[in-house]
Amino acid sequence: MILVLTVSLGILYPFAVWGVSQGLFPRAANGSLAEVDGKIVGSELIGQTFTSPRYFCSRPSVAGDGYDAAASGGSNLGPTSKKMIDRIADDSTSMQADNPNTKVPADLVTTSASGLDPHISPAAADFQVSRVARERNMNENEVRKLVAQFTQGRELGFLGEPRVNVLLLNLALDKN
């Protein structure tokens, strides 16, 4: 029985699931990879660090060295943690340099539970529009149109929140 279960559940079943996923959803099954000129530049499913002011920045990550899928997870710092409060205050201050007297959206200074979130809220994208437009010598309305184009709605119309995939948005900016 052990041999039968090992072969059927340990070999045949995984290969069957792999085959079905490759047949029905090959792009998703292979990581939803984003390519530029035939070179893989990232995955739509895992966030990345963008440091240039020409790009929209992702939400902070504490996963390993930043967006390290092998070290996915949060920081376990609670709302009373001085270390977390200081980091959020520092991040908020540096973010407000671009938009004085404007409230910084929470997702630009807080980490996600996995530390790998590739999305930001539309408010977080809007907060960064003026900086990105200025750095790229673009009209803010052009940048806002791109943000709107890459804003995804709620799943099935009611699950989750609207979101913007930072990698896809930044790649679209590079094409302009």
N, C-alpha and C. Protein backbone atom coordinates (compact mmCIF):
# COMPACT_ATOMS: atom_id res chain seq x y z
N MET A 1 0.82 -1.19 0.00
CA MET A 1 0.00 0.00 0.00
C MET A 1 0.87 1.26 0.00
N ILE A 2 1.97 1.22 0.76
CA ILE A 2 2.87 2.37 0.80
C ILE A 2 3.43 2.66 -0.59
N LEU A 3 3.81 1.64 -1.31
CA LEU A 3 4.36 1.81 -2.64
C LEU A 3 3.31 2.38 -3.60
N VAL A 4 2.10 1.85 -3.54
CA VAL A 4 1.01 2.35 -4.40
C VAL A 4 0.71 3.82 -4.10
N LEU A 5 0.58 4.17 -2.83
CA LEU A 5 0.29 5.55 -2.46
C LEU A 5 1.46 6.48 -2.80
N THR A 6 2.68 6.02 -2.62
CA THR A 6 3.84 6.84 -2.95
C THR A 6 3.87 7.14 -4.44
N VAL A 7 3.67 6.14 -5.25
CA VAL A 7 3.69 6.34 -6.71
C VAL A 7 2.50 7.20 -7.15
N SER A 8 1.31 6.88 -6.67
CA SER A 8 0.13 7.61 -7.13
C SER A 8 0.07 9.05 -6.61
N LEU A 9 0.34 9.26 -5.31
CA LEU A 9 0.23 10.60 -4.73
C LEU A 9 1.54 11.38 -4.77
N GLY A 10 2.64 10.69 -4.86
CA GLY A 10 3.93 11.37 -4.86
C GLY A 10 4.50 11.61 -6.24
N ILE A 11 4.02 10.86 -7.23
CA ILE A 11 4.56 11.01 -8.59
C ILE A 11 3.46 11.31 -9.61
N LEU A 12 2.48 10.41 -9.72
CA LEU A 12 1.45 10.58 -10.75
C LEU A 12 0.59 11.82 -10.54
N TYR A 13 0.10 12.02 -9.32
CA TYR A 13 -0.76 13.18 -9.06
C TYR A 13 -0.03 14.51 -9.30
N PRO A 14 1.18 14.72 -8.77
CA PRO A 14 1.87 15.98 -9.06
C PRO A 14 2.10 16.21 -10.56
N PHE A 15 2.46 15.17 -11.29
CA PHE A 15 2.65 15.34 -12.73
C PHE A 15 1.33 15.64 -13.44
N ALA A 16 0.24 15.05 -12.99
CA ALA A 16 -1.07 15.34 -13.58
C ALA A 16 -1.46 16.80 -13.34
N VAL A 17 -1.27 17.28 -12.12
CA VAL A 17 -1.59 18.68 -11.81
C VAL A 17 -0.69 19.61 -12.61
N TRP A 18 0.59 19.30 -12.70
CA TRP A 18 1.52 20.09 -13.48
C TRP A 18 1.10 20.13 -14.95
N GLY A 19 0.73 18.99 -15.50
CA GLY A 19 0.31 18.92 -16.90
C GLY A 19 -0.94 19.73 -17.18
N VAL A 20 -1.93 19.62 -16.29
CA VAL A 20 -3.16 20.38 -16.46
C VAL A 20 -2.87 21.88 -16.38
N SER A 21 -2.07 22.29 -15.41
CA SER A 21 -1.76 23.72 -15.27
C SER A 21 -0.98 24.23 -16.47
N GLN A 22 -0.05 23.44 -17.00
CA GLN A 22 0.70 23.86 -18.18
C GLN A 22 -0.21 23.96 -19.40
N GLY A 23 -1.19 23.08 -19.47
CA GLY A 23 -2.11 23.09 -20.60
C GLY A 23 -3.13 24.21 -20.54
N LEU A 24 -3.68 24.46 -19.36
CA LEU A 24 -4.75 25.47 -19.22
C LEU A 24 -4.24 26.87 -18.87
N PHE A 25 -3.20 26.97 -18.07
CA PHE A 25 -2.70 28.27 -17.58
C PHE A 25 -1.17 28.33 -17.66
N PRO A 26 -0.58 28.19 -18.83
CA PRO A 26 0.88 28.11 -18.90
C PRO A 26 1.60 29.34 -18.38
N ARG A 27 1.09 30.53 -18.63
CA ARG A 27 1.76 31.74 -18.18
C ARG A 27 1.79 31.81 -16.66
N ALA A 28 0.64 31.59 -16.04
CA ALA A 28 0.56 31.62 -14.57
C ALA A 28 1.35 30.48 -13.94
N ALA A 29 1.29 29.31 -14.56
CA ALA A 29 2.00 28.14 -14.01
C ALA A 29 3.51 28.33 -14.04
N ASN A 30 3.98 29.19 -14.91
CA ASN A 30 5.42 29.43 -15.03
C ASN A 30 5.86 30.72 -14.35
N GLY A 31 5.02 31.30 -13.50
CA GLY A 31 5.43 32.44 -12.68
C GLY A 31 5.03 33.80 -13.18
N SER A 32 4.21 33.90 -14.22
CA SER A 32 3.79 35.20 -14.76
C SER A 32 4.99 36.12 -14.96
N LEU A 33 5.98 35.64 -15.68
CA LEU A 33 7.22 36.38 -15.86
C LEU A 33 7.05 37.53 -16.85
N ALA A 34 7.66 38.65 -16.53
CA ALA A 34 7.64 39.83 -17.39
C ALA A 34 8.96 39.88 -18.15
N GLU A 35 8.87 40.09 -19.47
CA GLU A 35 10.06 40.13 -20.31
C GLU A 35 10.16 41.46 -21.03
N VAL A 36 11.40 41.90 -21.24
CA VAL A 36 11.69 43.07 -22.06
C VAL A 36 12.79 42.65 -23.03
N ASP A 37 12.50 42.75 -24.31
CA ASP A 37 13.45 42.36 -25.35
C ASP A 37 13.97 40.94 -25.15
N GLY A 38 13.08 40.03 -24.77
CA GLY A 38 13.44 38.63 -24.58
C GLY A 38 14.17 38.32 -23.28
N LYS A 39 14.38 39.33 -22.45
CA LYS A 39 15.07 39.12 -21.18
C LYS A 39 14.06 39.21 -20.04
N ILE A 40 14.09 38.24 -19.14
CA ILE A 40 13.18 38.25 -17.99
C ILE A 40 13.63 39.33 -17.02
N VAL A 41 12.69 40.23 -16.69
CA VAL A 41 13.02 41.34 -15.78
C VAL A 41 12.30 41.24 -14.44
N GLY A 42 11.46 40.25 -14.29
CA GLY A 42 10.76 40.07 -13.02
C GLY A 42 9.51 39.24 -13.19
N SER A 43 8.78 39.14 -12.11
CA SER A 43 7.51 38.43 -12.09
C SER A 43 6.42 39.39 -11.67
N GLU A 44 5.27 39.27 -12.28
CA GLU A 44 4.13 40.10 -11.90
C GLU A 44 3.62 39.73 -10.50
N LEU A 45 4.08 38.61 -9.96
CA LEU A 45 3.57 38.10 -8.70
C LEU A 45 4.44 38.43 -7.49
N ILE A 46 5.67 38.92 -7.73
CA ILE A 46 6.60 39.22 -6.64
C ILE A 46 7.10 40.64 -6.81
N GLY A 47 7.02 41.42 -5.74
CA GLY A 47 7.47 42.81 -5.79
C GLY A 47 8.96 42.93 -6.02
N GLN A 48 9.37 44.13 -6.38
CA GLN A 48 10.77 44.43 -6.59
C GLN A 48 11.08 45.79 -5.99
N THR A 49 12.35 46.03 -5.73
CA THR A 49 12.78 47.33 -5.23
C THR A 49 13.11 48.23 -6.41
N PHE A 50 12.50 49.40 -6.43
CA PHE A 50 12.80 50.41 -7.43
C PHE A 50 13.34 51.62 -6.67
N THR A 51 14.61 51.97 -6.91
CA THR A 51 15.24 53.04 -6.15
C THR A 51 15.33 54.35 -6.92
N SER A 52 15.27 54.31 -8.22
CA SER A 52 15.37 55.53 -9.01
C SER A 52 14.09 56.36 -8.85
N PRO A 53 14.22 57.68 -8.71
CA PRO A 53 13.02 58.52 -8.61
C PRO A 53 12.20 58.55 -9.90
N ARG A 54 12.73 57.98 -10.98
CA ARG A 54 12.02 57.90 -12.25
C ARG A 54 10.94 56.82 -12.23
N TYR A 55 10.96 55.99 -11.19
CA TYR A 55 10.03 54.87 -11.10
C TYR A 55 9.10 54.99 -9.91
N PHE A 56 7.95 54.36 -10.03
CA PHE A 56 7.06 54.21 -8.89
C PHE A 56 7.72 53.22 -7.94
N CYS A 57 7.66 53.49 -6.66
CA CYS A 57 8.25 52.55 -5.71
C CYS A 57 7.17 51.63 -5.16
N SER A 58 7.62 50.45 -4.81
CA SER A 58 6.75 49.44 -4.23
C SER A 58 6.63 49.69 -2.74
N ARG A 59 5.78 48.92 -2.09
CA ARG A 59 5.72 49.03 -0.63
C ARG A 59 6.96 48.38 -0.03
N PRO A 60 7.35 48.77 1.17
CA PRO A 60 8.56 48.21 1.76
C PRO A 60 8.45 46.69 1.97
N SER A 61 9.60 46.05 1.98
CA SER A 61 9.63 44.60 2.20
C SER A 61 10.66 44.27 3.27
N VAL A 62 10.32 43.32 4.12
CA VAL A 62 11.27 42.82 5.11
C VAL A 62 11.60 41.36 4.83
N ALA A 63 11.28 40.90 3.63
CA ALA A 63 11.56 39.50 3.25
C ALA A 63 13.01 39.38 2.84
N GLY A 64 13.82 38.88 3.72
CA GLY A 64 15.24 38.69 3.43
C GLY A 64 15.92 40.00 3.11
N ASP A 65 16.53 40.05 1.93
CA ASP A 65 17.22 41.25 1.47
C ASP A 65 16.27 42.16 0.70
N GLY A 66 15.00 41.99 0.89
CA GLY A 66 14.00 42.75 0.16
C GLY A 66 13.44 41.95 -0.99
N TYR A 67 12.20 41.55 -0.90
CA TYR A 67 11.49 40.78 -1.92
C TYR A 67 12.19 39.45 -2.22
N ASP A 68 12.76 38.85 -1.20
CA ASP A 68 13.42 37.55 -1.33
C ASP A 68 12.38 36.47 -1.09
N ALA A 69 11.97 35.79 -2.15
CA ALA A 69 10.90 34.79 -2.04
C ALA A 69 11.29 33.63 -1.13
N ALA A 70 12.58 33.37 -0.97
CA ALA A 70 13.02 32.30 -0.09
C ALA A 70 12.89 32.70 1.38
N ALA A 71 12.72 33.99 1.65
CA ALA A 71 12.62 34.47 3.03
C ALA A 71 11.32 35.24 3.24
N SER A 72 10.26 34.79 2.59
CA SER A 72 8.98 35.48 2.66
C SER A 72 8.46 35.52 4.09
N GLY A 73 7.94 36.67 4.46
CA GLY A 73 7.34 36.81 5.78
C GLY A 73 7.40 38.23 6.27
N GLY A 74 6.63 38.50 7.28
CA GLY A 74 6.62 39.83 7.87
C GLY A 74 7.71 39.97 8.91
N SER A 75 7.74 41.12 9.56
CA SER A 75 8.80 41.38 10.53
C SER A 75 8.43 40.94 11.94
N ASN A 76 7.16 40.68 12.20
CA ASN A 76 6.64 40.35 13.53
C ASN A 76 6.76 41.50 14.52
N LEU A 77 7.00 42.72 14.01
CA LEU A 77 7.01 43.89 14.88
C LEU A 77 5.57 44.36 15.05
N GLY A 78 5.17 44.61 16.29
CA GLY A 78 3.81 45.04 16.57
C GLY A 78 3.66 46.55 16.53
N PRO A 79 2.42 47.03 16.67
CA PRO A 79 2.16 48.47 16.57
C PRO A 79 2.80 49.30 17.68
N THR A 80 3.27 48.68 18.74
CA THR A 80 3.94 49.43 19.81
C THR A 80 5.46 49.33 19.72
N SER A 81 5.97 48.66 18.69
CA SER A 81 7.41 48.49 18.52
C SER A 81 8.07 49.82 18.14
N LYS A 82 9.01 50.27 18.95
CA LYS A 82 9.71 51.53 18.67
C LYS A 82 10.47 51.43 17.35
N LYS A 83 11.06 50.29 17.07
CA LYS A 83 11.80 50.10 15.82
C LYS A 83 10.88 50.31 14.61
N MET A 84 9.68 49.74 14.66
CA MET A 84 8.74 49.89 13.55
C MET A 84 8.23 51.32 13.48
N ILE A 85 7.90 51.91 14.60
CA ILE A 85 7.40 53.29 14.60
C ILE A 85 8.45 54.23 14.03
N ASP A 86 9.71 54.05 14.41
CA ASP A 86 10.79 54.90 13.89
C ASP A 86 10.98 54.72 12.39
N ARG A 87 10.92 53.46 11.92
CA ARG A 87 11.09 53.21 10.49
C ARG A 87 9.96 53.86 9.69
N ILE A 88 8.72 53.72 10.17
CA ILE A 88 7.59 54.31 9.48
C ILE A 88 7.69 55.83 9.48
N ALA A 89 8.10 56.41 10.61
CA ALA A 89 8.26 57.87 10.68
C ALA A 89 9.33 58.34 9.71
N ASP A 90 10.46 57.64 9.66
CA ASP A 90 11.54 58.00 8.73
C ASP A 90 11.08 57.88 7.28
N ASP A 91 10.41 56.77 6.96
CA ASP A 91 9.92 56.57 5.59
C ASP A 91 8.90 57.64 5.22
N SER A 92 8.01 57.98 6.14
CA SER A 92 7.01 59.01 5.88
C SER A 92 7.66 60.36 5.62
N THR A 93 8.65 60.69 6.42
CA THR A 93 9.35 61.97 6.25
C THR A 93 10.03 62.04 4.88
N SER A 94 10.71 60.97 4.48
CA SER A 94 11.39 60.99 3.18
C SER A 94 10.38 61.01 2.03
N MET A 95 9.25 60.33 2.19
CA MET A 95 8.22 60.34 1.15
C MET A 95 7.60 61.73 1.01
N GLN A 96 7.42 62.41 2.13
CA GLN A 96 6.78 63.72 2.08
C GLN A 96 7.67 64.79 1.47
N ALA A 97 8.93 64.50 1.25
CA ALA A 97 9.81 65.47 0.59
C ALA A 97 9.27 65.78 -0.81
N ASP A 98 8.66 64.79 -1.45
CA ASP A 98 8.09 64.99 -2.79
C ASP A 98 6.73 65.66 -2.75
N ASN A 99 5.97 65.41 -1.70
CA ASN A 99 4.61 65.93 -1.58
C ASN A 99 4.40 66.52 -0.19
N PRO A 100 4.98 67.70 0.07
CA PRO A 100 4.81 68.29 1.41
C PRO A 100 3.33 68.49 1.74
N ASN A 101 3.02 68.34 2.99
CA ASN A 101 1.66 68.56 3.50
C ASN A 101 0.63 67.60 2.92
N THR A 102 1.09 66.47 2.37
CA THR A 102 0.18 65.47 1.84
C THR A 102 0.36 64.20 2.67
N LYS A 103 -0.75 63.62 3.07
CA LYS A 103 -0.70 62.39 3.87
C LYS A 103 -0.15 61.24 3.02
N VAL A 104 0.82 60.53 3.56
CA VAL A 104 1.43 59.40 2.86
C VAL A 104 0.50 58.18 3.00
N PRO A 105 0.13 57.55 1.89
CA PRO A 105 -0.70 56.34 1.99
C PRO A 105 0.00 55.26 2.81
N ALA A 106 -0.76 54.57 3.61
CA ALA A 106 -0.21 53.59 4.54
C ALA A 106 0.61 52.51 3.85
N ASP A 107 0.20 52.08 2.65
CA ASP A 107 0.92 50.97 2.03
C ASP A 107 2.30 51.38 1.50
N LEU A 108 2.62 52.66 1.48
CA LEU A 108 3.97 53.07 1.08
C LEU A 108 4.96 53.02 2.23
N VAL A 109 4.46 52.88 3.46
CA VAL A 109 5.36 52.84 4.62
C VAL A 109 5.18 51.60 5.48
N THR A 110 4.22 50.74 5.15
CA THR A 110 4.02 49.50 5.90
C THR A 110 4.28 48.31 4.99
N THR A 111 4.73 47.23 5.57
CA THR A 111 5.03 46.03 4.80
C THR A 111 3.81 45.13 4.72
N SER A 112 3.80 44.26 3.71
CA SER A 112 2.72 43.28 3.62
C SER A 112 3.09 42.07 4.47
N ALA A 113 2.14 41.20 4.69
CA ALA A 113 2.39 40.02 5.52
C ALA A 113 3.44 39.10 4.91
N SER A 114 3.45 38.99 3.59
CA SER A 114 4.42 38.12 2.94
C SER A 114 5.74 38.82 2.66
N GLY A 115 5.69 40.15 2.58
CA GLY A 115 6.88 40.90 2.20
C GLY A 115 7.16 40.86 0.71
N LEU A 116 6.24 40.28 -0.07
CA LEU A 116 6.46 40.10 -1.50
C LEU A 116 5.41 40.79 -2.36
N ASP A 117 4.55 41.57 -1.78
CA ASP A 117 3.42 42.16 -2.49
C ASP A 117 3.88 43.02 -3.67
N PRO A 118 3.45 42.69 -4.90
CA PRO A 118 3.86 43.46 -6.07
C PRO A 118 2.97 44.67 -6.35
N HIS A 119 1.95 44.86 -5.53
CA HIS A 119 0.96 45.91 -5.79
C HIS A 119 1.02 47.04 -4.77
N ILE A 120 0.55 48.20 -5.20
CA ILE A 120 0.29 49.32 -4.30
C ILE A 120 -1.13 49.78 -4.56
N SER A 121 -1.67 50.55 -3.66
CA SER A 121 -3.02 51.06 -3.84
C SER A 121 -3.01 52.18 -4.89
N PRO A 122 -4.16 52.45 -5.51
CA PRO A 122 -4.23 53.59 -6.43
C PRO A 122 -3.84 54.90 -5.73
N ALA A 123 -4.15 55.04 -4.45
CA ALA A 123 -3.77 56.25 -3.71
C ALA A 123 -2.25 56.36 -3.59
N ALA A 124 -1.57 55.22 -3.39
CA ALA A 124 -0.11 55.22 -3.30
C ALA A 124 0.52 55.57 -4.65
N ALA A 125 -0.08 55.09 -5.73
CA ALA A 125 0.41 55.44 -7.06
C ALA A 125 0.18 56.92 -7.33
N ASP A 126 -1.00 57.42 -6.99
CA ASP A 126 -1.32 58.83 -7.20
C ASP A 126 -0.36 59.73 -6.41
N PHE A 127 0.01 59.30 -5.22
CA PHE A 127 0.94 60.07 -4.38
C PHE A 127 2.28 60.26 -5.08
N GLN A 128 2.67 59.31 -5.93
CA GLN A 128 3.98 59.35 -6.58
C GLN A 128 3.97 59.96 -7.98
N VAL A 129 2.79 60.27 -8.51
CA VAL A 129 2.67 60.74 -9.89
C VAL A 129 3.51 61.98 -10.15
N SER A 130 3.45 62.98 -9.28
CA SER A 130 4.17 64.24 -9.55
C SER A 130 5.68 64.02 -9.63
N ARG A 131 6.22 63.19 -8.74
CA ARG A 131 7.67 62.91 -8.76
C ARG A 131 8.07 62.21 -10.05
N VAL A 132 7.33 61.16 -10.40
CA VAL A 132 7.66 60.38 -11.60
C VAL A 132 7.55 61.26 -12.85
N ALA A 133 6.49 62.05 -12.93
CA ALA A 133 6.30 62.93 -14.09
C ALA A 133 7.44 63.94 -14.17
N ARG A 134 7.81 64.54 -13.06
CA ARG A 134 8.90 65.51 -13.03
C ARG A 134 10.22 64.87 -13.46
N GLU A 135 10.53 63.70 -12.93
CA GLU A 135 11.79 63.03 -13.23
C GLU A 135 11.89 62.56 -14.68
N ARG A 136 10.74 62.31 -15.29
CA ARG A 136 10.73 61.81 -16.68
C ARG A 136 10.37 62.91 -17.68
N ASN A 137 10.21 64.13 -17.20
CA ASN A 137 9.79 65.25 -18.06
C ASN A 137 8.51 64.91 -18.81
N MET A 138 7.56 64.35 -18.07
CA MET A 138 6.27 63.99 -18.65
C MET A 138 5.18 64.85 -18.03
N ASN A 139 4.07 64.94 -18.71
CA ASN A 139 2.90 65.61 -18.19
C ASN A 139 2.26 64.71 -17.13
N GLU A 140 1.84 65.29 -16.01
CA GLU A 140 1.22 64.48 -14.94
C GLU A 140 -0.01 63.73 -15.43
N ASN A 141 -0.76 64.33 -16.34
CA ASN A 141 -1.96 63.65 -16.85
C ASN A 141 -1.60 62.39 -17.64
N GLU A 142 -0.48 62.42 -18.36
CA GLU A 142 -0.03 61.22 -19.08
C GLU A 142 0.29 60.10 -18.09
N VAL A 143 0.98 60.46 -17.01
CA VAL A 143 1.34 59.47 -16.01
C VAL A 143 0.09 58.94 -15.32
N ARG A 144 -0.86 59.83 -15.02
CA ARG A 144 -2.12 59.40 -14.40
C ARG A 144 -2.89 58.44 -15.30
N LYS A 145 -2.85 58.67 -16.60
CA LYS A 145 -3.52 57.76 -17.54
C LYS A 145 -2.89 56.37 -17.48
N LEU A 146 -1.55 56.32 -17.39
CA LEU A 146 -0.89 55.02 -17.26
C LEU A 146 -1.27 54.33 -15.96
N VAL A 147 -1.33 55.10 -14.88
CA VAL A 147 -1.75 54.54 -13.59
C VAL A 147 -3.15 53.95 -13.72
N ALA A 148 -4.05 54.71 -14.34
CA ALA A 148 -5.43 54.22 -14.52
C ALA A 148 -5.46 52.96 -15.37
N GLN A 149 -4.61 52.92 -16.40
CA GLN A 149 -4.56 51.76 -17.29
C GLN A 149 -4.09 50.51 -16.56
N PHE A 150 -3.20 50.68 -15.57
CA PHE A 150 -2.66 49.53 -14.85
C PHE A 150 -3.31 49.32 -13.48
N THR A 151 -4.41 50.00 -13.23
CA THR A 151 -5.16 49.78 -12.00
C THR A 151 -6.12 48.63 -12.21
N GLN A 152 -5.98 47.61 -11.39
CA GLN A 152 -6.85 46.44 -11.47
C GLN A 152 -7.95 46.59 -10.43
N GLY A 153 -9.16 46.21 -10.81
CA GLY A 153 -10.29 46.29 -9.89
C GLY A 153 -10.33 45.11 -8.93
N ARG A 154 -11.39 45.04 -8.18
CA ARG A 154 -11.59 43.93 -7.24
C ARG A 154 -11.84 42.64 -8.01
N GLU A 155 -11.34 41.54 -7.48
CA GLU A 155 -11.58 40.24 -8.10
C GLU A 155 -13.07 39.91 -8.00
N LEU A 156 -13.63 39.47 -9.09
CA LEU A 156 -15.06 39.12 -9.18
C LEU A 156 -15.95 40.28 -8.76
N GLY A 157 -15.41 41.49 -8.77
CA GLY A 157 -16.19 42.68 -8.45
C GLY A 157 -16.37 42.97 -6.98
N PHE A 158 -15.95 42.06 -6.09
CA PHE A 158 -16.17 42.30 -4.66
C PHE A 158 -15.04 41.80 -3.75
N LEU A 159 -14.09 41.07 -4.27
CA LEU A 159 -13.01 40.53 -3.45
C LEU A 159 -11.77 41.42 -3.53
N GLY A 160 -11.19 41.74 -2.39
CA GLY A 160 -9.97 42.52 -2.36
C GLY A 160 -10.22 44.00 -2.61
N GLU A 161 -9.13 44.70 -2.89
CA GLU A 161 -9.17 46.13 -3.13
C GLU A 161 -8.56 46.44 -4.49
N PRO A 162 -8.92 47.58 -5.08
CA PRO A 162 -8.24 47.98 -6.31
C PRO A 162 -6.74 48.10 -6.05
N ARG A 163 -5.93 47.80 -7.07
CA ARG A 163 -4.48 47.78 -6.88
C ARG A 163 -3.77 48.08 -8.20
N VAL A 164 -2.51 48.45 -8.07
CA VAL A 164 -1.68 48.77 -9.23
C VAL A 164 -0.43 47.90 -9.16
N ASN A 165 -0.13 47.17 -10.22
CA ASN A 165 1.08 46.35 -10.26
C ASN A 165 2.25 47.26 -10.61
N VAL A 166 3.17 47.44 -9.68
CA VAL A 166 4.26 48.40 -9.82
C VAL A 166 5.20 48.02 -10.97
N LEU A 167 5.54 46.75 -11.10
CA LEU A 167 6.44 46.32 -12.18
C LEU A 167 5.84 46.64 -13.54
N LEU A 168 4.59 46.26 -13.77
CA LEU A 168 3.97 46.50 -15.07
C LEU A 168 3.86 47.99 -15.37
N LEU A 169 3.53 48.79 -14.35
CA LEU A 169 3.44 50.24 -14.53
C LEU A 169 4.80 50.83 -14.91
N ASN A 170 5.85 50.42 -14.22
CA ASN A 170 7.19 50.94 -14.51
C ASN A 170 7.68 50.50 -15.89
N LEU A 171 7.35 49.28 -16.29
CA LEU A 171 7.72 48.84 -17.64
C LEU A 171 7.01 49.67 -18.69
N ALA A 172 5.74 49.98 -18.45
CA ALA A 172 4.98 50.82 -19.39
C ALA A 172 5.58 52.22 -19.47
N LEU A 173 6.05 52.74 -18.35
CA LEU A 173 6.70 54.06 -18.35
C LEU A 173 7.95 54.03 -19.22
N ASP A 174 8.71 52.96 -19.14
CA ASP A 174 9.93 52.85 -19.94
C ASP A 174 9.65 52.78 -21.43
N LYS A 175 8.47 52.31 -21.80
CA LYS A 175 8.11 52.24 -23.23
C LYS A 175 7.74 53.61 -23.78
N ASN A 176 7.34 54.53 -22.90
CA ASN A 176 6.94 55.89 -23.36
C ASN A 176 8.13 56.76 -23.63
